[in-house]
Amino acid sequence: MKYVSYLFGGLSTLAAGIYLVIYLYRWEWQRAVICGVLLLAVEGFLVCVILLGRMGRLERRLSDADARMEEVRQRLEHARETSAHPFRWLGNGNGNGNGNGNGGASGGGYGDSRDGVDGGNRTFVFVPILMVTGAALSGVAWVIQRIAAVTARPGAERRLAGRLAPLAAPSGGVHGVITQLEDNPAVPPARRLRPLLTGFGAAAGVVLLVYLVYVLSEATETREESRPDAAASTVVFRIDVHGTDDARARELAARDLWEGCRRSTSSLNPDASLGRLADGVFAGVIRPALSPHDMMRLRGCLSDASVNRAHAKVLGTGQAGVPH
C-alpha cells in the first residue's frame, strides 16, 4: 500500500507539473492556478505519507522496546521469587530424624535448629558433600585423561579422516576459487570517469532547466510585438452556459467574456466588435490585427472561461483583409 501511494503521488505530481507549464504557456491562468493548487496538495499528501510511515516505525520500535523491558522485568521478578530459599529441600519438611524433643540433641535430622541457625537455610551439610564430590570427579577425569593420552594412536585419526574424505568439499570450492578478504584492496581504486559523468549530468540538467525557464518566460512575457500585415484579427468561438439553454443568457456571457479577454492583450484594441453567427456561436473582430503572441493570449483567455457558469471553446482564429 505504501508503494502504491508513492506511485500514485509521483504520477499525480508529474502530471500536475506538466499541465501547469502547459497552461502557463497557453495563458490559461485559472487552469494553471488549479494545477498549482493540485501540485501543492499532492506534495502535501506525499509528505504526510512519509511522516506517517516514519511515525509508525517509531511507534513499533517503542512498543517492541516496552515489550522487551516488560519481559526482562517479569524474569527478574520471577528470579527474585525463586531465589528466596535456594535450599528449601534442606528444610523442615525432609524429616526430623530420631532427635529427642526434650533432650536438645539432634538425632541426625535436618529439621532441627543447630547453633541458632534456622534449618531452612542450613548449608553446612550440602557444601562439604558438594566439594568432596567435585574433587573426586576431578581426580577420576584426570586418570581417564592420562590413560587416553598414553593409549591413543594417530592411526585412529587417519582412519576417521579417510572415512570422512568423501564428504569433503572440492579443493577449489563449488563455484570455483573464492577470493579471500586479504585479496581485496582496503581502499577501492579511484574511478576517474564517474566524477566526469556526474559533472556532465549536473551541467546538462542546469542547461536544460535554464532553457525551459527561458522558453516559458518568452511565452508568458508581456511585450510589444510587430503587428501582422492584415487589417483585422478574427476569433470564432462557441459558448455554453451551465444550467440554461436561453440564447439571451449565452449572449450576455459571450459579451462579458469577450470584453474581459480583449483587454488581456499587450496592445491597445479600441475597435473590437462581437457578432452572433449562430445559436451559441460568436465571432469577434479586432482592428488593427493582433500579433501572434497577443492572439495566443486572447485564445487562452477565451478557453479559460472566467465568466460564471460559462464554458467557451475556440473554433478558429485568423487574419482578415489587407490594411489600407
Protein backbone atom coordinates (compact mmCIF):
# COMPACT_ATOMS: atom_id res chain seq x y z
CA MET A 1 0.00 0.00 0.00
CA LYS A 2 2.88 2.36 0.76
CA TYR A 3 4.46 1.88 -2.66
CA VAL A 4 1.09 2.27 -4.37
CA SER A 5 0.67 5.61 -2.58
CA TYR A 6 4.14 6.69 -3.67
CA LEU A 7 3.41 5.68 -7.27
CA PHE A 8 0.05 7.48 -7.29
CA GLY A 9 1.54 10.60 -5.71
CA GLY A 10 4.52 10.65 -8.08
CA LEU A 11 2.39 10.29 -11.21
CA SER A 12 -0.05 12.94 -9.96
CA THR A 13 2.80 15.33 -9.19
CA LEU A 14 4.33 14.80 -12.62
CA ALA A 15 1.01 15.32 -14.41
CA ALA A 16 0.16 18.43 -12.38
CA GLY A 17 3.60 19.94 -13.06
CA ILE A 18 3.38 19.24 -16.80
CA TYR A 19 -0.11 20.73 -17.13
CA LEU A 20 0.92 23.71 -15.02
CA VAL A 21 3.64 24.56 -17.55
CA ILE A 22 1.26 23.92 -20.49
CA TYR A 23 -1.45 26.20 -19.11
CA LEU A 24 1.06 28.90 -18.34
CA TYR A 25 2.31 28.68 -21.91
CA ARG A 26 -1.25 28.96 -23.21
CA TRP A 27 -2.09 31.88 -20.93
CA GLU A 28 -4.87 29.90 -19.28
CA TRP A 29 -4.33 31.33 -15.83
CA GLN A 30 -7.26 29.82 -13.95
CA ARG A 31 -6.37 26.31 -15.06
CA ALA A 32 -2.74 26.99 -14.19
CA VAL A 33 -3.78 28.07 -10.69
CA ILE A 34 -5.86 24.91 -10.26
CA CYS A 35 -2.92 22.75 -11.37
CA GLY A 36 -0.63 24.62 -8.98
CA VAL A 37 -3.00 24.05 -6.07
CA LEU A 38 -3.29 20.37 -7.04
CA LEU A 39 0.50 20.12 -7.19
CA LEU A 40 0.83 21.56 -3.68
CA ALA A 41 -1.91 19.22 -2.40
CA VAL A 42 -0.21 16.13 -3.84
CA GLU A 43 3.14 17.20 -2.41
CA GLY A 44 1.49 17.66 0.98
CA PHE A 45 -0.05 14.19 0.63
CA LEU A 46 3.35 12.65 -0.09
CA VAL A 47 4.91 14.45 2.87
CA CYS A 48 2.10 13.22 5.15
CA VAL A 49 2.53 9.64 3.90
CA ILE A 50 6.27 9.74 4.59
CA LEU A 51 5.80 11.29 8.04
CA LEU A 52 3.08 8.80 8.98
CA GLY A 53 5.31 5.93 7.86
CA ARG A 54 8.21 7.22 9.97
CA MET A 55 5.96 7.75 12.97
CA GLY A 56 4.51 4.25 12.58
CA ARG A 57 8.01 2.73 12.56
CA LEU A 58 8.97 4.73 15.65
CA GLU A 59 5.80 3.60 17.43
CA ARG A 60 6.52 -0.04 16.58
CA ARG A 61 10.07 0.32 17.87
CA LEU A 62 8.86 1.84 21.12
CA SER A 63 6.27 -0.92 21.51
CA ASP A 64 8.92 -3.58 20.95
CA ALA A 65 11.24 -1.89 23.44
CA ASP A 66 8.45 -1.72 26.05
CA ALA A 67 7.62 -5.38 25.46
CA ARG A 68 11.27 -6.37 25.94
CA MET A 69 11.53 -4.28 29.10
CA GLU A 70 8.37 -5.89 30.48
CA GLU A 71 9.72 -9.36 29.70
CA VAL A 72 13.02 -8.59 31.44
CA ARG A 73 11.16 -7.19 34.45
CA GLN A 74 8.99 -10.31 34.72
CA ARG A 75 12.05 -12.54 34.52
CA LEU A 76 13.81 -10.56 37.23
CA GLU A 77 10.77 -10.75 39.48
CA HIS A 78 10.48 -14.49 38.86
CA ALA A 79 14.17 -14.98 39.64
CA ARG A 80 13.80 -12.93 42.83
CA GLU A 81 10.86 -15.06 43.94
CA THR A 82 12.59 -18.40 43.24
CA SER A 83 15.91 -17.37 44.87
CA ALA A 84 14.42 -16.55 48.29
CA HIS A 85 15.04 -20.11 49.60
CA PRO A 86 17.58 -21.78 47.28
CA PHE A 87 17.93 -24.84 49.60
CA ARG A 88 14.35 -25.50 50.51
CA TRP A 89 14.92 -29.23 50.22
CA LEU A 90 17.02 -28.92 53.39
CA GLY A 91 14.07 -27.51 55.31
CA ASN A 92 11.90 -28.99 57.99
CA GLY A 93 9.82 -30.97 55.59
CA ASN A 94 12.56 -33.56 54.87
CA GLY A 95 12.38 -35.38 58.18
CA ASN A 96 13.16 -34.90 61.80
CA GLY A 97 15.48 -37.81 62.35
CA ASN A 98 15.48 -39.55 65.72
CA GLY A 99 16.04 -36.46 67.83
CA ASN A 100 14.58 -36.25 71.28
CA GLY A 101 12.15 -33.40 71.76
CA ASN A 102 13.25 -32.85 75.38
CA GLY A 103 16.97 -33.65 75.08
CA GLY A 104 18.00 -30.78 72.85
CA ALA A 105 20.46 -33.00 70.85
CA SER A 106 19.50 -33.82 67.31
CA GLY A 107 19.45 -37.38 66.15
CA GLY A 108 20.65 -36.65 62.60
CA GLY A 109 17.56 -34.89 61.15
CA TYR A 110 17.75 -31.66 59.13
CA GLY A 111 14.62 -30.19 60.59
CA ASP A 112 16.08 -29.17 63.94
CA SER A 113 17.95 -26.00 64.70
CA ARG A 114 21.66 -26.14 65.46
CA ASP A 115 23.81 -23.36 66.83
CA GLY A 116 20.97 -20.93 66.45
CA VAL A 117 20.81 -21.37 62.65
CA ASP A 118 17.46 -21.91 61.01
CA GLY A 119 17.11 -25.34 59.47
CA GLY A 120 15.57 -23.89 56.28
CA ASN A 121 18.85 -22.10 55.42
CA ARG A 122 21.22 -24.77 56.69
CA THR A 123 24.01 -25.48 54.13
CA PHE A 124 26.79 -26.86 56.35
CA VAL A 125 25.95 -30.44 55.20
CA PHE A 126 25.42 -29.81 51.48
CA VAL A 127 28.54 -27.71 50.77
CA PRO A 128 31.14 -30.20 52.07
CA ILE A 129 29.46 -33.04 50.20
CA LEU A 130 29.49 -30.97 47.02
CA MET A 131 33.17 -30.09 47.43
CA VAL A 132 34.23 -33.69 48.09
CA THR A 133 32.21 -34.93 45.12
CA GLY A 134 33.80 -32.34 42.83
CA ALA A 135 37.29 -33.26 43.97
CA ALA A 136 36.60 -36.97 43.43
CA LEU A 137 35.19 -36.37 39.92
CA SER A 138 38.20 -34.21 39.07
CA GLY A 139 40.55 -37.00 40.09
CA VAL A 140 38.64 -39.57 38.04
CA ALA A 141 38.72 -37.26 35.00
CA TRP A 142 42.48 -36.74 35.39
CA VAL A 143 43.07 -40.51 35.50
CA ILE A 144 40.93 -41.06 32.39
CA GLN A 145 42.78 -38.28 30.54
CA ARG A 146 46.17 -39.76 31.34
CA ILE A 147 45.11 -43.22 30.21
CA ALA A 148 43.69 -41.81 26.96
CA ALA A 149 46.89 -39.84 26.29
CA VAL A 150 49.05 -42.96 26.72
CA THR A 151 46.90 -45.35 24.68
CA ALA A 152 45.83 -43.03 21.84
CA ARG A 153 47.50 -43.57 18.43
CA PRO A 154 47.45 -41.41 15.21
CA GLY A 155 46.03 -44.36 13.28
CA ALA A 156 42.54 -43.77 14.63
CA GLU A 157 42.63 -40.20 13.40
CA ARG A 158 43.85 -41.32 9.96
CA ARG A 159 41.08 -43.89 9.68
CA LEU A 160 38.50 -41.26 10.69
CA ALA A 161 39.89 -38.82 8.12
CA GLY A 162 39.71 -41.49 5.42
CA ARG A 163 36.08 -42.22 6.22
CA LEU A 164 35.21 -38.50 6.11
CA ALA A 165 37.14 -37.78 2.88
CA PRO A 166 34.13 -38.40 0.56
CA LEU A 167 32.20 -35.75 2.46
CA ALA A 168 34.85 -33.07 1.97
CA ALA A 169 34.17 -30.14 -0.40
CA PRO A 170 36.21 -29.73 -3.63
CA SER A 171 39.56 -28.07 -3.18
CA GLY A 172 38.61 -25.13 -5.42
CA GLY A 173 35.15 -24.76 -3.97
CA VAL A 174 31.80 -25.50 -5.59
CA HIS A 175 31.78 -22.23 -7.56
CA GLY A 176 35.50 -22.05 -8.13
CA VAL A 177 38.17 -20.38 -6.10
CA ILE A 178 36.69 -17.94 -3.59
CA THR A 179 38.63 -14.75 -3.13
CA GLN A 180 39.78 -14.12 0.38
CA LEU A 181 39.35 -10.90 2.26
CA GLU A 182 43.08 -10.24 2.06
CA ASP A 183 42.95 -10.33 -1.75
CA ASN A 184 40.64 -7.31 -1.90
CA PRO A 185 42.31 -3.91 -1.51
CA ALA A 186 41.48 -1.97 1.63
CA VAL A 187 40.76 1.15 -0.43
CA PRO A 188 38.95 0.65 -3.78
CA PRO A 189 40.67 2.09 -6.83
CA ALA A 190 39.67 5.58 -7.87
CA ARG A 191 37.11 5.82 -10.65
CA ARG A 192 38.08 8.84 -12.69
CA LEU A 193 35.21 8.51 -15.16
CA ARG A 194 32.44 8.73 -12.55
CA PRO A 195 33.16 12.36 -11.46
CA LEU A 196 33.27 13.40 -15.12
CA LEU A 197 29.92 11.76 -15.83
CA THR A 198 28.41 13.28 -12.68
CA GLY A 199 29.63 16.73 -13.59
CA PHE A 200 28.40 16.38 -17.17
CA GLY A 201 24.96 15.25 -15.97
CA ALA A 202 24.71 18.14 -13.50
CA ALA A 203 25.74 20.66 -16.17
CA ALA A 204 23.23 19.22 -18.66
CA GLY A 205 20.48 19.42 -16.03
CA VAL A 206 21.28 23.07 -15.29
CA VAL A 207 21.34 23.93 -19.00
CA LEU A 208 18.01 22.18 -19.57
CA LEU A 209 16.44 23.97 -16.61
CA VAL A 210 17.69 27.36 -17.84
CA TYR A 211 16.37 26.61 -21.33
CA LEU A 212 12.94 25.64 -20.01
CA VAL A 213 12.76 28.81 -17.91
CA TYR A 214 13.77 30.86 -20.95
CA VAL A 215 11.13 29.24 -23.17
CA LEU A 216 8.42 29.73 -20.53
CA SER A 217 9.42 33.35 -19.97
CA GLU A 218 9.36 34.01 -23.71
CA ALA A 219 5.89 32.50 -23.94
CA THR A 220 4.44 34.42 -21.00
CA GLU A 221 6.27 37.74 -21.22
CA THR A 222 4.19 40.87 -21.86
CA ARG A 223 5.93 42.85 -24.60
CA GLU A 224 5.15 44.93 -27.65
CA GLU A 225 5.38 43.00 -30.92
CA SER A 226 5.11 43.92 -34.53
CA ARG A 227 1.64 43.59 -35.99
CA PRO A 228 0.98 41.30 -38.94
CA ASP A 229 0.22 42.54 -42.45
CA ALA A 230 -3.56 42.31 -42.04
CA ALA A 231 -6.48 44.61 -41.38
CA ALA A 232 -8.08 42.67 -38.51
CA SER A 233 -7.89 39.55 -36.45
CA THR A 234 -10.90 37.27 -36.10
CA VAL A 235 -11.83 34.73 -33.45
CA VAL A 236 -14.79 32.34 -33.69
CA PHE A 237 -15.89 30.59 -30.51
CA ARG A 238 -18.85 28.73 -29.10
CA ILE A 239 -20.12 29.33 -25.57
CA ASP A 240 -22.35 27.26 -23.32
CA VAL A 241 -23.89 28.30 -20.01
CA HIS A 242 -24.37 25.59 -17.43
CA GLY A 243 -27.97 25.08 -16.29
CA THR A 244 -29.75 27.03 -19.04
CA ASP A 245 -30.32 26.97 -22.81
CA ASP A 246 -31.51 30.56 -23.04
CA ALA A 247 -29.96 32.33 -26.03
CA ARG A 248 -30.04 35.65 -24.17
CA ALA A 249 -28.01 34.22 -21.28
CA ARG A 250 -25.42 32.81 -23.67
CA GLU A 251 -25.12 36.11 -25.50
CA LEU A 252 -24.60 38.03 -22.24
CA ALA A 253 -21.95 35.51 -21.12
CA ALA A 254 -20.22 35.74 -24.51
CA ARG A 255 -20.09 39.54 -24.39
CA ASP A 256 -18.81 39.58 -20.80
CA LEU A 257 -16.12 37.09 -21.71
CA TRP A 258 -15.18 38.96 -24.87
CA GLU A 259 -14.90 42.34 -23.12
CA GLY A 260 -12.66 40.85 -20.45
CA CYS A 261 -10.41 38.87 -22.78
CA ARG A 262 -9.83 41.52 -25.43
CA ARG A 263 -8.14 43.64 -22.75
CA SER A 264 -5.73 40.81 -21.86
CA THR A 265 -3.55 41.57 -24.89
CA SER A 266 -0.48 43.78 -24.67
CA SER A 267 -1.61 46.09 -27.50
CA LEU A 268 -4.49 48.54 -27.46
CA ASN A 269 -7.55 47.41 -29.39
CA PRO A 270 -10.32 50.02 -29.05
CA ASP A 271 -12.08 48.63 -32.15
CA ALA A 272 -13.21 45.17 -31.03
CA SER A 273 -16.67 44.06 -32.12
CA LEU A 274 -18.57 40.84 -31.41
CA GLY A 275 -21.20 39.34 -33.67
CA ARG A 276 -23.52 36.38 -33.35
CA LEU A 277 -23.20 33.79 -36.13
CA ALA A 278 -25.49 31.03 -34.88
CA ASP A 279 -27.09 29.75 -31.71
CA GLY A 280 -24.24 29.93 -29.20
CA VAL A 281 -21.55 30.69 -31.83
CA PHE A 282 -19.98 34.15 -31.90
CA ALA A 283 -17.28 35.88 -33.97
CA GLY A 284 -15.03 38.60 -32.60
CA VAL A 285 -13.14 41.04 -34.80
CA ILE A 286 -10.28 43.23 -33.55
CA ARG A 287 -8.77 46.11 -35.53
CA PRO A 288 -5.88 46.56 -36.04
CA ALA A 289 -4.71 42.95 -36.29
CA LEU A 290 -3.08 41.31 -33.30
CA SER A 291 0.40 39.86 -33.20
CA PRO A 292 0.78 36.04 -32.86
CA HIS A 293 1.66 36.38 -29.18
CA ASP A 294 -1.41 38.54 -28.46
CA MET A 295 -3.58 36.13 -30.42
CA MET A 296 -2.32 33.26 -28.25
CA ARG A 297 -3.15 35.27 -25.12
CA LEU A 298 -6.64 36.07 -26.42
CA ARG A 299 -7.27 32.43 -27.30
CA GLY A 300 -6.05 31.26 -23.89
CA CYS A 301 -8.30 33.75 -22.10
CA LEU A 302 -11.36 32.64 -24.06
CA SER A 303 -10.63 28.95 -23.43
CA ASP A 304 -10.16 29.62 -19.74
CA ALA A 305 -13.76 30.95 -19.48
CA SER A 306 -13.57 33.24 -16.45
CA VAL A 307 -17.30 34.05 -16.66
CA ASN A 308 -19.50 32.32 -14.08
CA ARG A 309 -21.10 29.04 -15.30
CA ALA A 310 -19.88 29.68 -18.87
CA HIS A 311 -17.69 27.42 -20.98
CA ALA A 312 -16.15 28.68 -24.21
CA LYS A 313 -14.45 26.71 -26.96
CA VAL A 314 -12.42 28.47 -29.64
CA LEU A 315 -13.38 27.14 -33.06
CA GLY A 316 -10.80 29.06 -35.08
CA THR A 317 -8.67 32.19 -35.42
CA GLY A 318 -7.24 34.07 -38.35
CA GLN A 319 -6.30 37.32 -40.04
CA ALA A 320 -8.67 39.16 -42.35
CA GLY A 321 -8.19 41.74 -45.08
CA VAL A 322 -5.23 43.84 -46.12
CA PRO A 323 -4.53 47.16 -44.38
CA HIS A 324 -5.00 50.27 -46.49
